[in-house]
Amino acid sequence: MPIITKPSSIPLATLLAGIALAGCQDSGPAIAPVSGTVTHHGKAVPNLTINFIPNNGRPSWGMTDSSGYYWLHWDEDHDGAEVGTHQVSVAFVPGSQGAESGRTKTPPATPAEQTAISSKYGIEKSPLILEVKPGSQTIDLKLD
């Protein structure tokens, strides 16, 4: 009597998982690389968190360096922001100004400047509405 062996379900499961993952990579939203510089009255603004919040979808974020430069992150694996309309808001990073100001020639924003910027461009208050288009782009933010 011949021995009949049952085929292993592991290769089939691996194949199905690979097909499912391959399909997921193309089904996500369009993400465009976004970077730029943030200024207030012509002066770079360091240590500022930038939030791009789309009408629908996942927000993107970035942080300005000592020269006011930022680039956005959509998630751990993707830089950029979803293509579409975004409200842009900012927040100062507590405790980082002292450490950063020791390494830069750009002085940190004064508490009065921080208050002025936060009161106008803070989360849920910001009047900044910007369009992220397909393709890599520079979006400079002038917080005047």
Protein backbone atom coordinates (compact mmCIF):
# COMPACT_ATOMS: atom_id res chain seq x y z
CA MET A 1 0.00 0.00 0.00
CA PRO A 2 1.52 3.38 -1.02
CA ILE A 3 2.07 6.02 1.62
CA ILE A 4 0.12 9.18 0.88
CA THR A 5 1.58 12.31 2.35
CA LYS A 6 -0.39 15.43 2.97
CA PRO A 7 1.09 18.52 1.28
CA SER A 8 2.40 21.09 3.69
CA SER A 9 0.24 24.17 4.15
CA ILE A 10 3.23 26.33 5.06
CA PRO A 11 4.39 27.07 1.47
CA LEU A 12 0.81 27.89 0.46
CA ALA A 13 0.39 30.20 3.46
CA THR A 14 3.70 31.89 2.62
CA LEU A 15 2.64 32.39 -0.99
CA LEU A 16 -0.73 33.86 0.02
CA ALA A 17 0.90 36.21 2.56
CA GLY A 18 3.36 37.41 -0.08
CA ILE A 19 0.54 38.14 -2.52
CA ALA A 20 -1.40 40.03 0.16
CA LEU A 21 1.65 42.12 1.10
CA ALA A 22 2.44 42.91 -2.52
CA GLY A 23 -1.10 44.19 -2.99
CA CYS A 24 -0.92 46.41 0.10
CA GLN A 25 2.17 48.27 -1.10
CA ASP A 26 0.33 49.77 -4.07
CA SER A 27 -2.96 50.50 -2.34
CA GLY A 28 -1.80 53.23 0.05
CA PRO A 29 -2.20 56.96 -0.41
CA ALA A 30 0.10 58.96 -2.68
CA ILE A 31 2.98 60.36 -0.59
CA ALA A 32 5.16 63.25 -1.79
CA PRO A 33 8.51 64.25 -0.25
CA VAL A 34 8.19 67.68 1.41
CA SER A 35 10.88 69.87 2.99
CA GLY A 36 11.45 73.56 3.51
CA THR A 37 12.50 76.31 5.87
CA VAL A 38 10.48 78.03 8.59
CA THR A 39 11.05 81.73 9.28
CA HIS A 40 9.47 84.36 11.51
CA HIS A 41 10.07 87.97 10.41
CA GLY A 42 12.88 86.73 8.16
CA LYS A 43 14.71 84.82 10.93
CA ALA A 44 15.02 81.02 10.99
CA VAL A 45 12.94 79.30 13.68
CA PRO A 46 14.76 76.30 15.22
CA ASN A 47 13.24 73.58 17.45
CA LEU A 48 9.78 73.78 15.99
CA THR A 49 7.56 70.78 15.29
CA ILE A 50 5.69 71.12 11.99
CA ASN A 51 2.42 69.23 11.48
CA PHE A 52 0.76 68.75 8.09
CA ILE A 53 -2.77 67.53 8.77
CA PRO A 54 -4.70 66.38 5.70
CA ASN A 55 -8.48 66.70 5.36
CA ASN A 56 -8.60 62.89 5.41
CA GLY A 57 -5.69 60.63 6.21
CA ARG A 58 -2.58 60.37 8.32
CA PRO A 59 -0.81 63.57 9.45
CA SER A 60 2.87 64.12 8.71
CA TRP A 61 5.39 65.79 10.98
CA GLY A 62 8.89 67.23 11.01
CA MET A 63 11.15 69.29 13.24
CA THR A 64 13.21 72.32 12.30
CA ASP A 65 16.95 72.22 12.80
CA SER A 66 19.14 75.15 13.84
CA SER A 67 18.71 76.80 10.42
CA GLY A 68 14.91 76.40 10.39
CA TYR A 69 15.08 73.54 7.87
CA TYR A 70 12.59 70.65 8.13
CA TRP A 71 11.54 67.55 6.21
CA LEU A 72 8.31 65.67 6.79
CA HIS A 73 7.82 62.07 7.92
CA TRP A 74 4.62 60.18 7.13
CA ASP A 75 5.51 57.03 9.08
CA GLU A 76 8.65 55.14 10.11
CA ASP A 77 9.26 53.93 6.56
CA HIS A 78 8.09 56.90 4.44
CA ASP A 79 9.12 60.55 4.35
CA GLY A 80 6.70 63.14 3.03
CA ALA A 81 3.01 63.98 3.22
CA GLU A 82 -0.13 62.71 1.55
CA VAL A 83 -0.95 64.49 -1.68
CA GLY A 84 -3.83 66.91 -1.06
CA THR A 85 -4.93 69.81 1.13
CA HIS A 86 -3.42 70.18 4.62
CA GLN A 87 -3.81 72.46 7.61
CA VAL A 88 -0.29 73.28 8.80
CA SER A 89 0.33 73.89 12.50
CA VAL A 90 3.43 74.27 14.65
CA ALA A 91 4.51 73.69 18.25
CA PHE A 92 7.75 74.47 20.06
CA VAL A 93 9.66 71.52 21.46
CA PRO A 94 10.04 72.02 25.22
CA GLY A 95 13.50 71.68 26.68
CA SER A 96 15.38 71.38 23.40
CA GLN A 97 16.25 75.04 22.87
CA GLY A 98 19.02 75.21 25.45
CA ALA A 99 20.81 72.20 24.01
CA GLU A 100 20.35 73.35 20.42
CA SER A 101 21.31 76.99 21.02
CA GLY A 102 24.72 75.87 22.29
CA ARG A 103 25.50 74.39 18.84
CA THR A 104 24.17 77.10 16.58
CA LYS A 105 24.70 80.74 15.73
CA THR A 106 20.95 81.17 15.27
CA PRO A 107 19.46 82.29 18.58
CA PRO A 108 16.34 80.44 19.69
CA ALA A 109 13.01 82.22 19.54
CA THR A 110 12.33 84.35 22.59
CA PRO A 111 9.36 83.45 24.80
CA ALA A 112 7.47 86.42 23.28
CA GLU A 113 8.16 85.13 19.74
CA GLN A 114 7.15 81.62 20.77
CA THR A 115 3.87 82.92 22.20
CA ALA A 116 3.15 84.97 19.08
CA ILE A 117 3.87 82.04 16.75
CA SER A 118 1.99 79.48 18.87
CA SER A 119 -1.06 81.67 19.34
CA LYS A 120 -1.43 82.17 15.59
CA TYR A 121 -0.18 78.87 14.13
CA GLY A 122 -0.85 76.37 16.93
CA ILE A 123 -2.86 73.18 16.48
CA GLU A 124 -6.52 73.84 15.60
CA LYS A 125 -5.83 77.61 15.29
CA SER A 126 -3.56 77.83 12.30
CA PRO A 127 -4.84 79.65 9.23
CA LEU A 128 -2.20 77.93 7.06
CA ILE A 129 -3.88 75.73 4.44
CA LEU A 130 -1.44 74.34 1.88
CA GLU A 131 -1.61 71.94 -1.03
CA VAL A 132 0.86 69.06 -1.29
CA LYS A 133 1.24 68.08 -4.94
CA PRO A 134 2.69 64.89 -6.43
CA GLY A 135 6.48 64.84 -6.60
CA SER A 136 9.23 66.19 -4.39
CA GLN A 137 8.70 69.80 -3.33
CA THR A 138 9.94 72.60 -1.12
CA ILE A 139 7.34 74.36 1.00
CA ASP A 140 8.83 77.29 2.93
CA LEU A 141 6.73 78.55 5.83
CA LYS A 142 6.84 82.27 6.59
CA LEU A 143 5.22 82.71 9.99
CA ASP A 144 4.81 86.50 9.84
